[in-house]
Amino acid sequence: MHYSYVSLALTWVLFLALFPLTFFWLRRAWRILIQNNYSEVAVKRGEPPANPKKWAPFAGTINLVAGLFTLWTAFGVIALGYPYDKWSAMAGITIWGKIFADFILRQQAHPFVFGRKKKEATAE
């Protein structure tokens, strides 16, 4: 009986978390793609990449797609009555996909530099 309350609480937490995630991701996409604010593009350990403008379309697209998917998921739950299995799978795939896509973009924007060429590669 207690497991059903825990499951219900976690379901509500996941569902309610879709709204701030959607807001932050769409706001970030707006800042990057429309306002040309590159301060949140591929930041790694607080440091922006050497050329954030180069990576801005990718970061903006990742945030836009993830924000639209979470918006569609929340809309589907409220208006279309998606079952729990469907919307939780959509939300989980979107959240994990966003995390992996951001990680890959961050690794590409901040490449590993071995040896003595470290200063030359980071100055690009």
PDB file of N, CA and C in Angstrom:
ATOM      1  N   MET A   1       0.818  -1.191   0.000  1.00  0.00           N
ATOM      2  CA  MET A   1       0.000   0.000   0.000  1.00  0.00           C
ATOM      3  C   MET A   1       0.868   1.264   0.000  1.00  0.00           C
ATOM      4  N   HIS A   2       1.986   1.221   0.732  1.00  0.00           N
ATOM      5  CA  HIS A   2       2.867   2.373   0.770  1.00  0.00           C
ATOM      6  C   HIS A   2       3.554   2.594  -0.571  1.00  0.00           C
ATOM      7  N   TYR A   3       3.790   1.500  -1.306  1.00  0.00           N
ATOM      8  CA  TYR A   3       4.446   1.641  -2.601  1.00  0.00           C
ATOM      9  C   TYR A   3       3.577   2.420  -3.572  1.00  0.00           C
ATOM     10  N   SER A   4       2.268   2.283  -3.456  1.00  0.00           N
ATOM     11  CA  SER A   4       1.399   3.013  -4.378  1.00  0.00           C
ATOM     12  C   SER A   4       1.466   4.514  -4.109  1.00  0.00           C
ATOM     13  N   TYR A   5       1.631   4.914  -2.840  1.00  0.00           N
ATOM     14  CA  TYR A   5       1.775   6.338  -2.536  1.00  0.00           C
ATOM     15  C   TYR A   5       3.102   6.876  -3.043  1.00  0.00           C
ATOM     16  N   VAL A   6       4.148   6.080  -2.907  1.00  0.00           N
ATOM     17  CA  VAL A   6       5.457   6.502  -3.408  1.00  0.00           C
ATOM     18  C   VAL A   6       5.411   6.627  -4.922  1.00  0.00           C
ATOM     19  N   SER A   7       4.812   5.660  -5.562  1.00  0.00           N
ATOM     20  CA  SER A   7       4.692   5.712  -7.021  1.00  0.00           C
ATOM     21  C   SER A   7       3.877   6.916  -7.466  1.00  0.00           C
ATOM     22  N   LEU A   8       2.796   7.184  -6.772  1.00  0.00           N
ATOM     23  CA  LEU A   8       1.965   8.346  -7.106  1.00  0.00           C
ATOM     24  C   LEU A   8       2.736   9.646  -6.911  1.00  0.00           C
ATOM     25  N   ALA A   9       3.492   9.727  -5.818  1.00  0.00           N
ATOM     26  CA  ALA A   9       4.269  10.946  -5.552  1.00  0.00           C
ATOM     27  C   ALA A   9       5.348  11.142  -6.616  1.00  0.00           C
ATOM     28  N   LEU A  10       6.052  10.067  -6.984  1.00  0.00           N
ATOM     29  CA  LEU A  10       7.095  10.189  -8.006  1.00  0.00           C
ATOM     30  C   LEU A  10       6.515  10.541  -9.371  1.00  0.00           C
ATOM     31  N   THR A  11       5.347  10.009  -9.656  1.00  0.00           N
ATOM     32  CA  THR A  11       4.682  10.352 -10.918  1.00  0.00           C
ATOM     33  C   THR A  11       4.364  11.838 -10.972  1.00  0.00           C
ATOM     34  N   TRP A  12       3.845  12.370  -9.869  1.00  0.00           N
ATOM     35  CA  TRP A  12       3.541  13.807  -9.829  1.00  0.00           C
ATOM     36  C   TRP A  12       4.796  14.655  -9.893  1.00  0.00           C
ATOM     37  N   VAL A  13       5.856  14.201  -9.235  1.00  0.00           N
ATOM     38  CA  VAL A  13       7.115  14.953  -9.289  1.00  0.00           C
ATOM     39  C   VAL A  13       7.631  15.003 -10.721  1.00  0.00           C
ATOM     40  N   LEU A  14       7.608  13.864 -11.410  1.00  0.00           N
ATOM     41  CA  LEU A  14       8.064  13.837 -12.796  1.00  0.00           C
ATOM     42  C   LEU A  14       7.193  14.713 -13.677  1.00  0.00           C
ATOM     43  N   PHE A  15       5.881  14.626 -13.482  1.00  0.00           N
ATOM     44  CA  PHE A  15       4.981  15.433 -14.308  1.00  0.00           C
ATOM     45  C   PHE A  15       5.166  16.922 -14.038  1.00  0.00           C
ATOM     46  N   LEU A  16       5.224  17.316 -12.792  1.00  0.00           N
ATOM     47  CA  LEU A  16       5.378  18.739 -12.479  1.00  0.00           C
ATOM     48  C   LEU A  16       6.748  19.266 -12.883  1.00  0.00           C
ATOM     49  N   ALA A  17       7.756  18.388 -12.925  1.00  0.00           N
ATOM     50  CA  ALA A  17       9.091  18.824 -13.341  1.00  0.00           C
ATOM     51  C   ALA A  17       9.146  19.149 -14.829  1.00  0.00           C
ATOM     52  N   LEU A  18       8.191  18.668 -15.592  1.00  0.00           N
ATOM     53  CA  LEU A  18       8.184  18.968 -17.026  1.00  0.00           C
ATOM     54  C   LEU A  18       8.018  20.472 -17.287  1.00  0.00           C
ATOM     55  N   PHE A  19       7.279  21.153 -16.431  1.00  0.00           N
ATOM     56  CA  PHE A  19       6.995  22.571 -16.679  1.00  0.00           C
ATOM     57  C   PHE A  19       8.235  23.459 -16.495  1.00  0.00           C
ATOM     58  N   PRO A  20       8.979  23.358 -15.385  1.00  0.00           N
ATOM     59  CA  PRO A  20      10.189  24.181 -15.317  1.00  0.00           C
ATOM     60  C   PRO A  20      11.231  23.770 -16.341  1.00  0.00           C
ATOM     61  N   LEU A  21      11.338  22.474 -16.644  1.00  0.00           N
ATOM     62  CA  LEU A  21      12.292  22.049 -17.671  1.00  0.00           C
ATOM     63  C   LEU A  21      11.951  22.694 -19.012  1.00  0.00           C
ATOM     64  N   THR A  22      10.682  22.669 -19.351  1.00  0.00           N
ATOM     65  CA  THR A  22      10.245  23.286 -20.613  1.00  0.00           C
ATOM     66  C   THR A  22      10.554  24.771 -20.620  1.00  0.00           C
ATOM     67  N   PHE A  23      10.255  25.434 -19.524  1.00  0.00           N
ATOM     68  CA  PHE A  23      10.503  26.878 -19.446  1.00  0.00           C
ATOM     69  C   PHE A  23      11.981  27.197 -19.598  1.00  0.00           C
ATOM     70  N   PHE A  24      12.855  26.507 -18.858  1.00  0.00           N
ATOM     71  CA  PHE A  24      14.284  26.810 -18.910  1.00  0.00           C
ATOM     72  C   PHE A  24      14.882  26.479 -20.273  1.00  0.00           C
ATOM     73  N   TRP A  25      14.496  25.364 -20.855  1.00  0.00           N
ATOM     74  CA  TRP A  25      15.075  24.978 -22.145  1.00  0.00           C
ATOM     75  C   TRP A  25      14.604  25.886 -23.272  1.00  0.00           C
ATOM     76  N   LEU A  26      13.324  26.247 -23.272  1.00  0.00           N
ATOM     77  CA  LEU A  26      12.848  27.167 -24.311  1.00  0.00           C
ATOM     78  C   LEU A  26      13.408  28.570 -24.117  1.00  0.00           C
ATOM     79  N   ARG A  27      13.562  28.998 -22.862  1.00  0.00           N
ATOM     80  CA  ARG A  27      14.172  30.309 -22.610  1.00  0.00           C
ATOM     81  C   ARG A  27      15.627  30.326 -23.071  1.00  0.00           C
ATOM     82  N   ARG A  28      16.343  29.241 -22.816  1.00  0.00           N
ATOM     83  CA  ARG A  28      17.734  29.156 -23.243  1.00  0.00           C
ATOM     84  C   ARG A  28      17.827  29.156 -24.777  1.00  0.00           C
ATOM     85  N   ALA A  29      16.923  28.436 -25.438  1.00  0.00           N
ATOM     86  CA  ALA A  29      16.900  28.434 -26.908  1.00  0.00           C
ATOM     87  C   ALA A  29      16.612  29.838 -27.435  1.00  0.00           C
ATOM     88  N   TRP A  30      15.700  30.541 -26.785  1.00  0.00           N
ATOM     89  CA  TRP A  30      15.381  31.912 -27.188  1.00  0.00           C
ATOM     90  C   TRP A  30      16.609  32.819 -27.045  1.00  0.00           C
ATOM     91  N   ARG A  31      17.289  32.706 -25.917  1.00  0.00           N
ATOM     92  CA  ARG A  31      18.477  33.542 -25.703  1.00  0.00           C
ATOM     93  C   ARG A  31      19.567  33.262 -26.721  1.00  0.00           C
ATOM     94  N   ILE A  32      19.774  31.996 -27.029  1.00  0.00           N
ATOM     95  CA  ILE A  32      20.870  31.638 -27.927  1.00  0.00           C
ATOM     96  C   ILE A  32      20.520  31.945 -29.376  1.00  0.00           C
ATOM     97  N   LEU A  33      19.345  31.516 -29.826  1.00  0.00           N
ATOM     98  CA  LEU A  33      19.014  31.613 -31.249  1.00  0.00           C
ATOM     99  C   LEU A  33      18.482  32.984 -31.649  1.00  0.00           C
ATOM    100  N   ILE A  34      17.713  33.631 -30.793  1.00  0.00           N
ATOM    101  CA  ILE A  34      17.086  34.901 -31.170  1.00  0.00           C
ATOM    102  C   ILE A  34      17.892  36.100 -30.676  1.00  0.00           C
ATOM    103  N   GLN A  35      18.301  36.064 -29.406  1.00  0.00           N
ATOM    104  CA  GLN A  35      19.007  37.213 -28.839  1.00  0.00           C
ATOM    105  C   GLN A  35      20.517  37.157 -29.047  1.00  0.00           C
ATOM    106  N   ASN A  36      21.025  36.080 -29.631  1.00  0.00           N
ATOM    107  CA  ASN A  36      22.466  35.896 -29.864  1.00  0.00           C
ATOM    108  C   ASN A  36      23.291  36.055 -28.586  1.00  0.00           C
ATOM    109  N   ASN A  37      22.770  35.557 -27.485  1.00  0.00           N
ATOM    110  CA  ASN A  37      23.482  35.561 -26.211  1.00  0.00           C
ATOM    111  C   ASN A  37      24.176  34.210 -26.070  1.00  0.00           C
ATOM    112  N   TYR A  38      25.482  34.214 -26.166  1.00  0.00           N
ATOM    113  CA  TYR A  38      26.235  32.961 -26.180  1.00  0.00           C
ATOM    114  C   TYR A  38      26.834  32.612 -24.817  1.00  0.00           C
ATOM    115  N   SER A  39      26.357  33.218 -23.767  1.00  0.00           N
ATOM    116  CA  SER A  39      26.943  32.977 -22.448  1.00  0.00           C
ATOM    117  C   SER A  39      26.633  31.583 -21.907  1.00  0.00           C
ATOM    118  N   GLU A  40      25.601  30.906 -22.435  1.00  0.00           N
ATOM    119  CA  GLU A  40      25.231  29.575 -21.949  1.00  0.00           C
ATOM    120  C   GLU A  40      25.539  28.484 -22.965  1.00  0.00           C
ATOM    121  N   VAL A  41      26.371  28.780 -23.940  1.00  0.00           N
ATOM    122  CA  VAL A  41      26.675  27.817 -24.996  1.00  0.00           C
ATOM    123  C   VAL A  41      27.861  26.960 -24.591  1.00  0.00           C
ATOM    124  N   ALA A  42      27.636  25.659 -24.480  1.00  0.00           N
ATOM    125  CA  ALA A  42      28.684  24.657 -24.282  1.00  0.00           C
ATOM    126  C   ALA A  42      29.661  25.031 -23.165  1.00  0.00           C
ATOM    127  N   VAL A  43      29.151  25.494 -22.053  1.00  0.00           N
ATOM    128  CA  VAL A  43      29.991  25.870 -20.923  1.00  0.00           C
ATOM    129  C   VAL A  43      30.481  24.600 -20.227  1.00  0.00           C
ATOM    130  N   LYS A  44      31.792  24.558 -20.006  1.00  0.00           N
ATOM    131  CA  LYS A  44      32.386  23.411 -19.315  1.00  0.00           C
ATOM    132  C   LYS A  44      33.188  23.934 -18.127  1.00  0.00           C
ATOM    133  N   ARG A  45      32.803  23.537 -16.945  1.00  0.00           N
ATOM    134  CA  ARG A  45      33.436  23.985 -15.703  1.00  0.00           C
ATOM    135  C   ARG A  45      33.466  25.510 -15.616  1.00  0.00           C
ATOM    136  N   GLY A  46      32.410  26.149 -16.046  1.00  0.00           N
ATOM    137  CA  GLY A  46      32.289  27.595 -15.981  1.00  0.00           C
ATOM    138  C   GLY A  46      33.001  28.349 -17.086  1.00  0.00           C
ATOM    139  N   GLU A  47      33.681  27.634 -17.960  1.00  0.00           N
ATOM    140  CA  GLU A  47      34.435  28.277 -19.041  1.00  0.00           C
ATOM    141  C   GLU A  47      33.706  28.104 -20.370  1.00  0.00           C
ATOM    142  N   PRO A  48      33.495  29.194 -21.104  1.00  0.00           N
ATOM    143  CA  PRO A  48      32.888  29.040 -22.427  1.00  0.00           C
ATOM    144  C   PRO A  48      33.922  28.498 -23.418  1.00  0.00           C
ATOM    145  N   PRO A  49      33.475  27.971 -24.531  1.00  0.00           N
ATOM    146  CA  PRO A  49      34.437  27.491 -25.526  1.00  0.00           C
ATOM    147  C   PRO A  49      35.156  28.669 -26.179  1.00  0.00           C
ATOM    148  N   ALA A  50      36.203  28.373 -26.934  1.00  0.00           N
ATOM    149  CA  ALA A  50      36.988  29.425 -27.574  1.00  0.00           C
ATOM    150  C   ALA A  50      36.148  30.222 -28.573  1.00  0.00           C
ATOM    151  N   ASN A  51      35.257  29.555 -29.283  1.00  0.00           N
ATOM    152  CA  ASN A  51      34.399  30.222 -30.260  1.00  0.00           C
ATOM    153  C   ASN A  51      32.948  29.819 -30.018  1.00  0.00           C
ATOM    154  N   PRO A  52      32.262  30.472 -29.069  1.00  0.00           N
ATOM    155  CA  PRO A  52      30.890  30.042 -28.744  1.00  0.00           C
ATOM    156  C   PRO A  52      29.909  30.266 -29.873  1.00  0.00           C
ATOM    157  N   LYS A  53      30.191  31.224 -30.763  1.00  0.00           N
ATOM    158  CA  LYS A  53      29.280  31.487 -31.876  1.00  0.00           C
ATOM    159  C   LYS A  53      29.197  30.283 -32.806  1.00  0.00           C
ATOM    160  N   LYS A  54      30.293  29.548 -32.925  1.00  0.00           N
ATOM    161  CA  LYS A  54      30.334  28.362 -33.784  1.00  0.00           C
ATOM    162  C   LYS A  54      29.398  27.277 -33.265  1.00  0.00           C
ATOM    163  N   TRP A  55      29.286  27.163 -31.948  1.00  0.00           N
ATOM    164  CA  TRP A  55      28.504  26.091 -31.340  1.00  0.00           C
ATOM    165  C   TRP A  55      27.090  26.525 -30.984  1.00  0.00           C
ATOM    166  N   ALA A  56      26.775  27.806 -31.148  1.00  0.00           N
ATOM    167  CA  ALA A  56      25.465  28.324 -30.759  1.00  0.00           C
ATOM    168  C   ALA A  56      24.302  27.678 -31.509  1.00  0.00           C
ATOM    169  N   PRO A  57      24.364  27.471 -32.833  1.00  0.00           N
ATOM    170  CA  PRO A  57      23.207  26.834 -33.499  1.00  0.00           C
ATOM    171  C   PRO A  57      22.922  25.436 -32.970  1.00  0.00           C
ATOM    172  N   PHE A  58      23.956  24.687 -32.650  1.00  0.00           N
ATOM    173  CA  PHE A  58      23.758  23.330 -32.128  1.00  0.00           C
ATOM    174  C   PHE A  58      23.146  23.383 -30.724  1.00  0.00           C
ATOM    175  N   ALA A  59      23.685  24.242 -29.882  1.00  0.00           N
ATOM    176  CA  ALA A  59      23.154  24.345 -28.511  1.00  0.00           C
ATOM    177  C   ALA A  59      21.724  24.859 -28.514  1.00  0.00           C
ATOM    178  N   GLY A  60      21.441  25.836 -29.362  1.00  0.00           N
ATOM    179  CA  GLY A  60      20.084  26.358 -29.452  1.00  0.00           C
ATOM    180  C   GLY A  60      19.103  25.322 -29.964  1.00  0.00           C
ATOM    181  N   THR A  61      19.534  24.543 -30.950  1.00  0.00           N
ATOM    182  CA  THR A  61      18.654  23.504 -31.493  1.00  0.00           C
ATOM    183  C   THR A  61      18.391  22.415 -30.465  1.00  0.00           C
ATOM    184  N   ILE A  62      19.411  22.010 -29.744  1.00  0.00           N
ATOM    185  CA  ILE A  62      19.222  20.988 -28.699  1.00  0.00           C
ATOM    186  C   ILE A  62      18.207  21.466 -27.667  1.00  0.00           C
ATOM    187  N   ASN A  63      18.357  22.707 -27.216  1.00  0.00           N
ATOM    188  CA  ASN A  63      17.425  23.241 -26.217  1.00  0.00           C
ATOM    189  C   ASN A  63      16.023  23.420 -26.789  1.00  0.00           C
ATOM    190  N   LEU A  64      15.923  23.854 -28.033  1.00  0.00           N
ATOM    191  CA  LEU A  64      14.615  24.047 -28.652  1.00  0.00           C
ATOM    192  C   LEU A  64      13.881  22.718 -28.809  1.00  0.00           C
ATOM    193  N   VAL A  65      14.562  21.710 -29.316  1.00  0.00           N
ATOM    194  CA  VAL A  65      13.923  20.409 -29.530  1.00  0.00           C
ATOM    195  C   VAL A  65      13.515  19.783 -28.191  1.00  0.00           C
ATOM    196  N   ALA A  66      14.405  19.839 -27.215  1.00  0.00           N
ATOM    197  CA  ALA A  66      14.076  19.273 -25.901  1.00  0.00           C
ATOM    198  C   ALA A  66      12.911  20.026 -25.257  1.00  0.00           C
ATOM    199  N   GLY A  67      12.897  21.345 -25.368  1.00  0.00           N
ATOM    200  CA  GLY A  67      11.804  22.135 -24.804  1.00  0.00           C
ATOM    201  C   GLY A  67      10.483  21.843 -25.477  1.00  0.00           C
ATOM    202  N   LEU A  68      10.507  21.689 -26.797  1.00  0.00           N
ATOM    203  CA  LEU A  68       9.264  21.390 -27.513  1.00  0.00           C
ATOM    204  C   LEU A  68       8.756  19.982 -27.189  1.00  0.00           C
ATOM    205  N   PHE A  69       9.667  19.022 -27.031  1.00  0.00           N
ATOM    206  CA  PHE A  69       9.244  17.670 -26.678  1.00  0.00           C
ATOM    207  C   PHE A  69       8.615  17.626 -25.286  1.00  0.00           C
ATOM    208  N   THR A  70       9.212  18.311 -24.323  1.00  0.00           N
ATOM    209  CA  THR A  70       8.618  18.312 -22.984  1.00  0.00           C
ATOM    210  C   THR A  70       7.295  19.072 -22.971  1.00  0.00           C
ATOM    211  N   LEU A  71       7.206  20.121 -23.793  1.00  0.00           N
ATOM    212  CA  LEU A  71       5.936  20.848 -23.906  1.00  0.00           C
ATOM    213  C   LEU A  71       4.865  19.941 -24.507  1.00  0.00           C
ATOM    214  N   TRP A  72       5.232  19.195 -25.537  1.00  0.00           N
ATOM    215  CA  TRP A  72       4.287  18.273 -26.161  1.00  0.00           C
ATOM    216  C   TRP A  72       3.885  17.167 -25.181  1.00  0.00           C
ATOM    217  N   THR A  73       4.830  16.699 -24.393  1.00  0.00           N
ATOM    218  CA  THR A  73       4.524  15.663 -23.404  1.00  0.00           C
ATOM    219  C   THR A  73       3.531  16.175 -22.368  1.00  0.00           C
ATOM    220  N   ALA A  74       3.760  17.358 -21.850  1.00  0.00           N
ATOM    221  CA  ALA A  74       2.833  17.922 -20.857  1.00  0.00           C
ATOM    222  C   ALA A  74       1.467  18.171 -21.474  1.00  0.00           C
ATOM    223  N   PHE A  75       1.450  18.673 -22.698  1.00  0.00           N
ATOM    224  CA  PHE A  75       0.178  18.876 -23.402  1.00  0.00           C
ATOM    225  C   PHE A  75      -0.531  17.543 -23.621  1.00  0.00           C
ATOM    226  N   GLY A  76       0.229  16.521 -23.967  1.00  0.00           N
ATOM    227  CA  GLY A  76      -0.360  15.209 -24.190  1.00  0.00           C
ATOM    228  C   GLY A  76      -0.983  14.627 -22.938  1.00  0.00           C
ATOM    229  N   VAL A  77      -0.358  14.863 -21.804  1.00  0.00           N
ATOM    230  CA  VAL A  77      -0.921  14.359 -20.543  1.00  0.00           C
ATOM    231  C   VAL A  77      -2.211  15.089 -20.206  1.00  0.00           C
ATOM    232  N   ILE A  78      -2.190  16.411 -20.346  1.00  0.00           N
ATOM    233  CA  ILE A  78      -3.350  17.214 -19.932  1.00  0.00           C
ATOM    234  C   ILE A  78      -4.487  17.127 -20.938  1.00  0.00           C
ATOM    235  N   ALA A  79      -4.201  17.347 -22.202  1.00  0.00           N
ATOM    236  CA  ALA A  79      -5.272  17.469 -23.193  1.00  0.00           C
ATOM    237  C   ALA A  79      -5.611  16.154 -23.886  1.00  0.00           C
ATOM    238  N   LEU A  80      -4.606  15.331 -24.126  1.00  0.00           N
ATOM    239  CA  LEU A  80      -4.853  14.121 -24.900  1.00  0.00           C
ATOM    240  C   LEU A  80      -4.968  12.872 -24.045  1.00  0.00           C
ATOM    241  N   GLY A  81      -4.663  12.994 -22.755  1.00  0.00           N
ATOM    242  CA  GLY A  81      -4.818  11.865 -21.845  1.00  0.00           C
ATOM    243  C   GLY A  81      -3.859  10.723 -22.099  1.00  0.00           C
ATOM    244  N   TYR A  82      -2.603  11.061 -22.365  1.00  0.00           N
ATOM    245  CA  TYR A  82      -1.612  10.003 -22.579  1.00  0.00           C
ATOM    246  C   TYR A  82      -1.539   9.097 -21.349  1.00  0.00           C
ATOM    247  N   PRO A  83      -1.410   7.790 -21.543  1.00  0.00           N
ATOM    248  CA  PRO A  83      -1.233   6.896 -20.389  1.00  0.00           C
ATOM    249  C   PRO A  83       0.153   7.098 -19.769  1.00  0.00           C
ATOM    250  N   TYR A  84       0.277   6.645 -18.534  1.00  0.00           N
ATOM    251  CA  TYR A  84       1.517   6.870 -17.786  1.00  0.00           C
ATOM    252  C   TYR A  84       2.732   6.309 -18.502  1.00  0.00           C
ATOM    253  N   ASP A  85       2.626   5.088 -19.027  1.00  0.00           N
ATOM    254  CA  ASP A  85       3.775   4.467 -19.687  1.00  0.00           C
ATOM    255  C   ASP A  85       4.266   5.290 -20.873  1.00  0.00           C
ATOM    256  N   LYS A  86       3.340   5.847 -21.614  1.00  0.00           N
ATOM    257  CA  LYS A  86       3.712   6.607 -22.810  1.00  0.00           C
ATOM    258  C   LYS A  86       4.382   7.921 -22.456  1.00  0.00           C
ATOM    259  N   TRP A  87       3.744   8.712 -21.580  1.00  0.00           N
ATOM    260  CA  TRP A  87       4.316  10.036 -21.322  1.00  0.00           C
ATOM    261  C   TRP A  87       5.583   9.964 -20.469  1.00  0.00           C
ATOM    262  N   SER A  88       5.655   8.968 -19.566  1.00  0.00           N
ATOM    263  CA  SER A  88       6.895   8.865 -18.782  1.00  0.00           C
ATOM    264  C   SER A  88       8.053   8.425 -19.670  1.00  0.00           C
ATOM    265  N   ALA A  89       7.783   7.570 -20.669  1.00  0.00           N
ATOM    266  CA  ALA A  89       8.833   7.195 -21.613  1.00  0.00           C
ATOM    267  C   ALA A  89       9.261   8.388 -22.455  1.00  0.00           C
ATOM    268  N   MET A  90       8.295   9.183 -22.913  1.00  0.00           N
ATOM    269  CA  MET A  90       8.633  10.376 -23.700  1.00  0.00           C
ATOM    270  C   MET A  90       9.466  11.352 -22.870  1.00  0.00           C
ATOM    271  N   ALA A  91       9.057  11.566 -21.630  1.00  0.00           N
ATOM    272  CA  ALA A  91       9.793  12.497 -20.771  1.00  0.00           C
ATOM    273  C   ALA A  91      11.185  11.969 -20.460  1.00  0.00           C
ATOM    274  N   GLY A  92      11.302  10.693 -20.163  1.00  0.00           N
ATOM    275  CA  GLY A  92      12.609  10.126 -19.834  1.00  0.00           C
ATOM    276  C   GLY A  92      13.570  10.163 -21.004  1.00  0.00           C
ATOM    277  N   ILE A  93      13.082   9.800 -22.181  1.00  0.00           N
ATOM    278  CA  ILE A  93      13.940   9.838 -23.369  1.00  0.00           C
ATOM    279  C   ILE A  93      14.375  11.270 -23.664  1.00  0.00           C
ATOM    280  N   THR A  94      13.459  12.219 -23.492  1.00  0.00           N
ATOM    281  CA  THR A  94      13.805  13.617 -23.755  1.00  0.00           C
ATOM    282  C   THR A  94      14.859  14.123 -22.772  1.00  0.00           C
ATOM    283  N   ILE A  95      14.669  13.843 -21.497  1.00  0.00           N
ATOM    284  CA  ILE A  95      15.615  14.338 -20.488  1.00  0.00           C
ATOM    285  C   ILE A  95      16.988  13.704 -20.683  1.00  0.00           C
ATOM    286  N   TRP A  96      17.034  12.394 -20.866  1.00  0.00           N
ATOM    287  CA  TRP A  96      18.335  11.742 -21.068  1.00  0.00           C
ATOM    288  C   TRP A  96      18.975  12.136 -22.390  1.00  0.00           C
ATOM    289  N   GLY A  97      18.154  12.295 -23.418  1.00  0.00           N
ATOM    290  CA  GLY A  97      18.690  12.746 -24.705  1.00  0.00           C
ATOM    291  C   GLY A  97      19.295  14.130 -24.614  1.00  0.00           C
ATOM    292  N   LYS A  98      18.634  15.013 -23.865  1.00  0.00           N
ATOM    293  CA  LYS A  98      19.166  16.377 -23.678  1.00  0.00           C
ATOM    294  C   LYS A  98      20.481  16.326 -22.917  1.00  0.00           C
ATOM    295  N   ILE A  99      20.552  15.520 -21.887  1.00  0.00           N
ATOM    296  CA  ILE A  99      21.793  15.413 -21.106  1.00  0.00           C
ATOM    297  C   ILE A  99      22.932  14.896 -21.977  1.00  0.00           C
ATOM    298  N   PHE A 100      22.685  13.833 -22.740  1.00  0.00           N
ATOM    299  CA  PHE A 100      23.743  13.281 -23.593  1.00  0.00           C
ATOM    300  C   PHE A 100      24.119  14.244 -24.716  1.00  0.00           C
ATOM    301  N   ALA A 101      23.144  14.904 -25.319  1.00  0.00           N
ATOM    302  CA  ALA A 101      23.444  15.848 -26.400  1.00  0.00           C
ATOM    303  C   ALA A 101      24.268  17.022 -25.884  1.00  0.00           C
ATOM    304  N   ASP A 102      23.919  17.549 -24.717  1.00  0.00           N
ATOM    305  CA  ASP A 102      24.720  18.631 -24.128  1.00  0.00           C
ATOM    306  C   ASP A 102      26.139  18.162 -23.813  1.00  0.00           C
ATOM    307  N   PHE A 103      26.262  16.943 -23.305  1.00  0.00           N
ATOM    308  CA  PHE A 103      27.583  16.410 -22.999  1.00  0.00           C
ATOM    309  C   PHE A 103      28.434  16.274 -24.262  1.00  0.00           C
ATOM    310  N   ILE A 104      27.843  15.742 -25.313  1.00  0.00           N
ATOM    311  CA  ILE A 104      28.587  15.583 -26.569  1.00  0.00           C
ATOM    312  C   ILE A 104      28.990  16.943 -27.130  1.00  0.00           C
ATOM    313  N   LEU A 105      28.066  17.894 -27.108  1.00  0.00           N
ATOM    314  CA  LEU A 105      28.386  19.238 -27.613  1.00  0.00           C
ATOM    315  C   LEU A 105      29.494  19.884 -26.790  1.00  0.00           C
ATOM    316  N   ARG A 106      29.426  19.737 -25.484  1.00  0.00           N
ATOM    317  CA  ARG A 106      30.447  20.309 -24.612  1.00  0.00           C
ATOM    318  C   ARG A 106      31.812  19.684 -24.874  1.00  0.00           C
ATOM    319  N   GLN A 107      31.836  18.375 -25.111  1.00  0.00           N
ATOM    320  CA  GLN A 107      33.106  17.706 -25.399  1.00  0.00           C
ATOM    321  C   GLN A 107      33.655  18.133 -26.745  1.00  0.00           C
ATOM    322  N   GLN A 108      32.790  18.380 -27.712  1.00  0.00           N
ATOM    323  CA  GLN A 108      33.260  18.832 -29.023  1.00  0.00           C
ATOM    324  C   GLN A 108      33.762  20.277 -28.956  1.00  0.00           C
ATOM    325  N   ALA A 109      33.102  21.106 -28.161  1.00  0.00           N
ATOM    326  CA  ALA A 109      33.497  22.510 -28.066  1.00  0.00           C
ATOM    327  C   ALA A 109      34.768  22.703 -27.242  1.00  0.00           C
ATOM    328  N   HIS A 110      35.039  21.776 -26.348  1.00  0.00           N
ATOM    329  CA  HIS A 110      36.252  21.831 -25.521  1.00  0.00           C
ATOM    330  C   HIS A 110      37.056  20.560 -25.784  1.00  0.00           C
ATOM    331  N   PRO A 111      37.774  20.493 -26.890  1.00  0.00           N
ATOM    332  CA  PRO A 111      38.475  19.245 -27.229  1.00  0.00           C
ATOM    333  C   PRO A 111      39.649  18.994 -26.289  1.00  0.00           C
ATOM    334  N   PHE A 112      39.970  17.711 -26.180  1.00  0.00           N
ATOM    335  CA  PHE A 112      41.157  17.348 -25.417  1.00  0.00           C
ATOM    336  C   PHE A 112      42.390  17.793 -26.184  1.00  0.00           C
ATOM    337  N   VAL A 113      43.327  18.365 -25.470  1.00  0.00           N
ATOM    338  CA  VAL A 113      44.571  18.798 -26.094  1.00  0.00           C
ATOM    339  C   VAL A 113      45.703  18.120 -25.348  1.00  0.00           C
ATOM    340  N   PHE A 114      46.504  17.383 -26.093  1.00  0.00           N
ATOM    341  CA  PHE A 114      47.632  16.688 -25.501  1.00  0.00           C
ATOM    342  C   PHE A 114      48.934  17.381 -25.899  1.00  0.00           C
ATOM    343  N   GLY A 115      49.877  17.386 -25.022  1.00  0.00           N
ATOM    344  CA  GLY A 115      51.217  17.861 -25.353  1.00  0.00           C
ATOM    345  C   GLY A 115      51.380  19.359 -25.275  1.00  0.00           C
ATOM    346  N   ARG A 116      52.281  19.888 -26.056  1.00  0.00           N
ATOM    347  CA  ARG A 116      52.683  21.291 -25.980  1.00  0.00           C
ATOM    348  C   ARG A 116      51.767  22.239 -26.741  1.00  0.00           C
ATOM    349  N   LYS A 117      50.860  21.751 -27.529  1.00  0.00           N
ATOM    350  CA  LYS A 117      50.018  22.608 -28.347  1.00  0.00           C
ATOM    351  C   LYS A 117      48.784  23.086 -27.596  1.00  0.00           C
ATOM    352  N   LYS A 118      48.778  22.987 -26.295  1.00  0.00           N
ATOM    353  CA  LYS A 118      47.604  23.317 -25.500  1.00  0.00           C
ATOM    354  C   LYS A 118      47.196  24.778 -25.657  1.00  0.00           C
ATOM    355  N   LYS A 119      48.110  25.719 -25.626  1.00  0.00           N
ATOM    356  CA  LYS A 119      47.762  27.133 -25.732  1.00  0.00           C
ATOM    357  C   LYS A 119      47.261  27.479 -27.130  1.00  0.00           C
ATOM    358  N   GLU A 120      47.829  26.872 -28.169  1.00  0.00           N
ATOM    359  CA  GLU A 120      47.410  27.162 -29.536  1.00  0.00           C
ATOM    360  C   GLU A 120      45.996  26.682 -29.796  1.00  0.00           C
ATOM    361  N   ALA A 121      45.650  25.500 -29.312  1.00  0.00           N
ATOM    362  CA  ALA A 121      44.329  24.931 -29.574  1.00  0.00           C
ATOM    363  C   ALA A 121      43.229  25.668 -28.832  1.00  0.00           C
ATOM    364  N   THR A 122      43.477  26.163 -27.648  1.00  0.00           N
ATOM    365  CA  THR A 122      42.445  26.852 -26.887  1.00  0.00           C
ATOM    366  C   THR A 122      42.275  28.292 -27.327  1.00  0.00           C
ATOM    367  N   ALA A 123      43.229  28.849 -28.057  1.00  0.00           N
ATOM    368  CA  ALA A 123      43.138  30.236 -28.497  1.00  0.00           C
ATOM    369  C   ALA A 123      42.322  30.402 -29.767  1.00  0.00           C
ATOM    370  N   GLU A 124      41.862  29.350 -30.407  1.00  0.00           N
ATOM    371  CA  GLU A 124      41.099  29.437 -31.662  1.00  0.00           C
ATOM    372  C   GLU A 124      39.787  30.118 -31.469  1.00  0.00           C
TER     373      GLU A 124
END
